[in-house]
Amino acid sequence: MIFTGLRKGEVRRLEWSDVDLGNRLLHVTSKETWGPKTESSTRTIPLCEPAVEALQMAWERVEKRSVKSSLVFPGRNTPRPIPRSRSR
């Protein structure tokens, strides 16, 4: 995601529980089915204003979707992550 330095895989697996808009933080943590590239990749990233605005817009889009997902950027019409082929 722009302004965060996240890897593509991290963006694809980013969940709303990782986002703390109130404190302007993003947490990169291991998931049940996925983990950061290295142990040191688990981190907390401060969010700049453009990143906060982008996440707020993403939240508004997610709320309007008929298919609910915990992912910040779910695939089209599915609660699963965006396929790798579409995230390039």
N, C-alpha and C. Protein backbone atom coordinates (compact mmCIF):
# COMPACT_ATOMS: atom_id res chain seq x y z
N MET A 1 0.85 -1.17 0.00
CA MET A 1 0.00 0.00 0.00
C MET A 1 0.89 1.23 0.00
N ILE A 2 0.48 2.18 -0.75
CA ILE A 2 1.26 3.40 -0.90
C ILE A 2 1.54 4.06 0.46
N PHE A 3 2.71 4.59 0.61
CA PHE A 3 3.17 5.31 1.80
C PHE A 3 3.46 4.42 3.02
N THR A 4 3.37 3.10 2.88
CA THR A 4 3.59 2.24 4.04
C THR A 4 4.80 1.33 3.90
N GLY A 5 5.23 1.06 2.69
CA GLY A 5 6.34 0.15 2.48
C GLY A 5 5.95 -1.31 2.60
N LEU A 6 4.65 -1.61 2.61
CA LEU A 6 4.21 -3.00 2.70
C LEU A 6 4.53 -3.76 1.42
N ARG A 7 4.85 -5.03 1.57
CA ARG A 7 5.02 -5.91 0.43
C ARG A 7 3.64 -6.25 -0.14
N LYS A 8 3.62 -6.68 -1.39
CA LYS A 8 2.34 -7.03 -2.04
C LYS A 8 1.57 -8.07 -1.23
N GLY A 9 2.27 -9.10 -0.78
CA GLY A 9 1.62 -10.15 0.00
C GLY A 9 1.05 -9.63 1.31
N GLU A 10 1.74 -8.67 1.91
CA GLU A 10 1.25 -8.07 3.16
C GLU A 10 -0.02 -7.27 2.91
N VAL A 11 -0.05 -6.56 1.79
CA VAL A 11 -1.25 -5.79 1.44
C VAL A 11 -2.41 -6.73 1.17
N ARG A 12 -2.15 -7.81 0.43
CA ARG A 12 -3.21 -8.76 0.09
C ARG A 12 -3.83 -9.39 1.33
N ARG A 13 -3.05 -9.60 2.38
CA ARG A 13 -3.52 -10.27 3.59
C ARG A 13 -3.86 -9.31 4.73
N LEU A 14 -3.81 -8.03 4.47
CA LEU A 14 -4.08 -7.03 5.50
C LEU A 14 -5.55 -7.11 5.95
N GLU A 15 -5.75 -7.22 7.24
CA GLU A 15 -7.10 -7.29 7.80
C GLU A 15 -7.41 -6.02 8.57
N TRP A 16 -8.70 -5.75 8.71
CA TRP A 16 -9.10 -4.54 9.43
C TRP A 16 -8.64 -4.57 10.88
N SER A 17 -8.46 -5.75 11.44
CA SER A 17 -7.97 -5.84 12.82
C SER A 17 -6.51 -5.39 12.93
N ASP A 18 -5.82 -5.27 11.79
CA ASP A 18 -4.44 -4.79 11.76
C ASP A 18 -4.36 -3.27 11.68
N VAL A 19 -5.49 -2.65 11.43
CA VAL A 19 -5.53 -1.20 11.19
C VAL A 19 -6.05 -0.49 12.44
N ASP A 20 -5.30 0.49 12.89
CA ASP A 20 -5.70 1.32 14.03
C ASP A 20 -5.73 2.77 13.55
N LEU A 21 -6.86 3.15 12.97
CA LEU A 21 -6.96 4.50 12.41
C LEU A 21 -6.91 5.56 13.50
N GLY A 22 -7.46 5.25 14.67
CA GLY A 22 -7.46 6.22 15.77
C GLY A 22 -6.05 6.64 16.18
N ASN A 23 -5.15 5.67 16.20
CA ASN A 23 -3.76 5.95 16.56
C ASN A 23 -2.86 6.06 15.34
N ARG A 24 -3.47 5.94 14.15
CA ARG A 24 -2.74 6.06 12.89
C ARG A 24 -1.60 5.05 12.79
N LEU A 25 -1.95 3.77 13.08
CA LEU A 25 -0.96 2.70 13.05
C LEU A 25 -1.47 1.52 12.23
N LEU A 26 -0.52 0.80 11.65
CA LEU A 26 -0.80 -0.41 10.90
C LEU A 26 0.09 -1.50 11.47
N HIS A 27 -0.50 -2.63 11.83
CA HIS A 27 0.25 -3.73 12.44
C HIS A 27 0.41 -4.86 11.43
N VAL A 28 1.63 -5.23 11.16
CA VAL A 28 1.92 -6.36 10.27
C VAL A 28 2.23 -7.54 11.19
N THR A 29 1.33 -8.52 11.20
CA THR A 29 1.46 -9.66 12.11
C THR A 29 1.18 -10.96 11.37
N SER A 30 1.56 -12.05 11.99
CA SER A 30 1.28 -13.37 11.42
C SER A 30 -0.21 -13.66 11.50
N LYS A 31 -0.68 -14.40 10.51
CA LYS A 31 -2.06 -14.86 10.47
C LYS A 31 -2.05 -16.38 10.55
N GLU A 32 -3.20 -16.95 10.68
CA GLU A 32 -3.31 -18.41 10.73
C GLU A 32 -2.78 -19.06 9.45
N THR A 33 -3.04 -18.42 8.33
CA THR A 33 -2.66 -19.01 7.04
C THR A 33 -1.51 -18.29 6.35
N TRP A 34 -0.94 -17.30 7.00
CA TRP A 34 0.10 -16.50 6.36
C TRP A 34 0.95 -15.83 7.41
N GLY A 35 2.21 -15.62 7.09
CA GLY A 35 3.10 -14.90 8.00
C GLY A 35 3.99 -13.95 7.23
N PRO A 36 4.51 -12.93 7.90
CA PRO A 36 5.44 -12.02 7.23
C PRO A 36 6.65 -12.78 6.70
N LYS A 37 7.33 -12.19 5.76
CA LYS A 37 8.46 -12.82 5.09
C LYS A 37 9.53 -13.29 6.08
N THR A 38 9.84 -12.47 7.06
CA THR A 38 10.81 -12.84 8.09
C THR A 38 10.24 -12.46 9.45
N GLU A 39 10.84 -12.99 10.50
CA GLU A 39 10.37 -12.67 11.85
C GLU A 39 10.47 -11.17 12.13
N SER A 40 11.51 -10.55 11.61
CA SER A 40 11.67 -9.11 11.83
C SER A 40 10.68 -8.29 11.01
N SER A 41 9.96 -8.96 10.10
CA SER A 41 8.96 -8.24 9.30
C SER A 41 7.69 -7.95 10.09
N THR A 42 7.52 -8.60 11.24
CA THR A 42 6.40 -8.27 12.11
C THR A 42 6.70 -6.90 12.70
N ARG A 43 5.82 -5.95 12.42
CA ARG A 43 6.13 -4.58 12.81
C ARG A 43 4.87 -3.72 12.88
N THR A 44 5.03 -2.56 13.45
CA THR A 44 3.97 -1.56 13.49
C THR A 44 4.44 -0.36 12.69
N ILE A 45 3.59 0.10 11.80
CA ILE A 45 3.95 1.18 10.88
C ILE A 45 3.08 2.40 11.17
N PRO A 46 3.69 3.55 11.40
CA PRO A 46 2.88 4.77 11.55
C PRO A 46 2.30 5.16 10.19
N LEU A 47 1.07 5.62 10.21
CA LEU A 47 0.39 5.98 8.97
C LEU A 47 0.40 7.49 8.76
N CYS A 48 0.77 7.91 7.57
CA CYS A 48 0.70 9.32 7.22
C CYS A 48 -0.74 9.65 6.78
N GLU A 49 -1.03 10.91 6.65
CA GLU A 49 -2.39 11.34 6.32
C GLU A 49 -2.92 10.72 5.02
N PRO A 50 -2.15 10.69 3.92
CA PRO A 50 -2.69 10.06 2.71
C PRO A 50 -3.02 8.58 2.90
N ALA A 51 -2.24 7.87 3.69
CA ALA A 51 -2.52 6.45 3.95
C ALA A 51 -3.79 6.31 4.78
N VAL A 52 -3.97 7.16 5.77
CA VAL A 52 -5.19 7.14 6.58
C VAL A 52 -6.40 7.41 5.70
N GLU A 53 -6.30 8.39 4.83
CA GLU A 53 -7.41 8.71 3.93
C GLU A 53 -7.73 7.54 3.00
N ALA A 54 -6.70 6.89 2.49
CA ALA A 54 -6.91 5.73 1.60
C ALA A 54 -7.60 4.60 2.35
N LEU A 55 -7.20 4.37 3.59
CA LEU A 55 -7.83 3.31 4.38
C LEU A 55 -9.27 3.67 4.75
N GLN A 56 -9.52 4.93 5.01
CA GLN A 56 -10.90 5.35 5.28
C GLN A 56 -11.78 5.14 4.06
N MET A 57 -11.26 5.43 2.89
CA MET A 57 -12.02 5.19 1.65
C MET A 57 -12.24 3.70 1.44
N ALA A 58 -11.23 2.90 1.74
CA ALA A 58 -11.37 1.45 1.60
C ALA A 58 -12.45 0.93 2.55
N TRP A 59 -12.49 1.46 3.76
CA TRP A 59 -13.50 1.05 4.74
C TRP A 59 -14.91 1.39 4.22
N GLU A 60 -15.05 2.56 3.66
CA GLU A 60 -16.35 2.96 3.11
C GLU A 60 -16.78 2.03 1.98
N ARG A 61 -15.84 1.62 1.14
CA ARG A 61 -16.16 0.68 0.06
C ARG A 61 -16.56 -0.68 0.62
N VAL A 62 -15.84 -1.14 1.62
CA VAL A 62 -16.13 -2.45 2.21
C VAL A 62 -17.52 -2.46 2.85
N GLU A 63 -17.88 -1.38 3.49
CA GLU A 63 -19.20 -1.31 4.14
C GLU A 63 -20.34 -1.41 3.13
N LYS A 64 -20.10 -1.00 1.90
CA LYS A 64 -21.13 -1.01 0.86
C LYS A 64 -21.23 -2.36 0.14
N ARG A 65 -20.23 -3.21 0.33
CA ARG A 65 -20.20 -4.49 -0.39
C ARG A 65 -21.22 -5.47 0.17
N SER A 66 -21.75 -6.30 -0.71
CA SER A 66 -22.67 -7.33 -0.27
C SER A 66 -21.92 -8.52 0.32
N VAL A 67 -20.69 -8.74 -0.12
CA VAL A 67 -19.86 -9.82 0.40
C VAL A 67 -18.94 -9.23 1.46
N LYS A 68 -19.12 -9.64 2.70
CA LYS A 68 -18.33 -9.09 3.81
C LYS A 68 -17.01 -9.85 3.95
N SER A 69 -15.99 -9.12 4.36
CA SER A 69 -14.66 -9.71 4.52
C SER A 69 -13.92 -8.95 5.61
N SER A 70 -13.03 -9.65 6.29
CA SER A 70 -12.18 -9.00 7.28
C SER A 70 -10.96 -8.36 6.61
N LEU A 71 -10.77 -8.65 5.32
CA LEU A 71 -9.63 -8.11 4.58
C LEU A 71 -9.87 -6.65 4.19
N VAL A 72 -8.81 -5.87 4.22
CA VAL A 72 -8.90 -4.47 3.81
C VAL A 72 -9.13 -4.40 2.30
N PHE A 73 -8.45 -5.25 1.55
CA PHE A 73 -8.58 -5.25 0.09
C PHE A 73 -8.97 -6.65 -0.39
N PRO A 74 -10.23 -7.03 -0.20
CA PRO A 74 -10.66 -8.36 -0.66
C PRO A 74 -10.78 -8.40 -2.18
N GLY A 75 -10.82 -9.60 -2.70
CA GLY A 75 -11.04 -9.76 -4.13
C GLY A 75 -12.45 -9.33 -4.51
N ARG A 76 -12.66 -9.14 -5.77
CA ARG A 76 -13.97 -8.71 -6.26
C ARG A 76 -15.00 -9.81 -6.04
N ASN A 77 -16.09 -9.49 -5.41
CA ASN A 77 -17.20 -10.42 -5.15
C ASN A 77 -16.79 -11.66 -4.36
N THR A 78 -15.78 -11.55 -3.55
CA THR A 78 -15.33 -12.67 -2.72
C THR A 78 -14.69 -12.12 -1.45
N PRO A 79 -14.81 -12.84 -0.35
CA PRO A 79 -14.14 -12.38 0.87
C PRO A 79 -12.67 -12.76 0.93
N ARG A 80 -12.18 -13.48 -0.09
CA ARG A 80 -10.78 -13.92 -0.10
C ARG A 80 -9.86 -12.82 -0.63
N PRO A 81 -8.56 -12.99 -0.42
CA PRO A 81 -7.61 -11.97 -0.91
C PRO A 81 -7.64 -11.83 -2.42
N ILE A 82 -7.19 -10.69 -2.88
CA ILE A 82 -7.04 -10.45 -4.31
C ILE A 82 -6.06 -11.50 -4.84
N PRO A 83 -6.39 -12.16 -5.94
CA PRO A 83 -5.46 -13.15 -6.49
C PRO A 83 -4.12 -12.51 -6.84
N ARG A 84 -3.05 -13.27 -6.70
CA ARG A 84 -1.71 -12.76 -7.00
C ARG A 84 -1.62 -12.18 -8.40
N SER A 85 -2.26 -12.82 -9.35
CA SER A 85 -2.18 -12.37 -10.73
C SER A 85 -2.80 -10.99 -10.92
N ARG A 86 -3.70 -10.58 -10.05
CA ARG A 86 -4.35 -9.27 -10.18
C ARG A 86 -3.70 -8.22 -9.30
N SER A 87 -2.74 -8.61 -8.46
CA SER A 87 -2.13 -7.65 -7.54
C SER A 87 -0.81 -7.10 -8.06
N ARG A 88 -0.45 -7.41 -9.27
CA ARG A 88 0.82 -6.94 -9.83
C ARG A 88 0.69 -5.61 -10.49
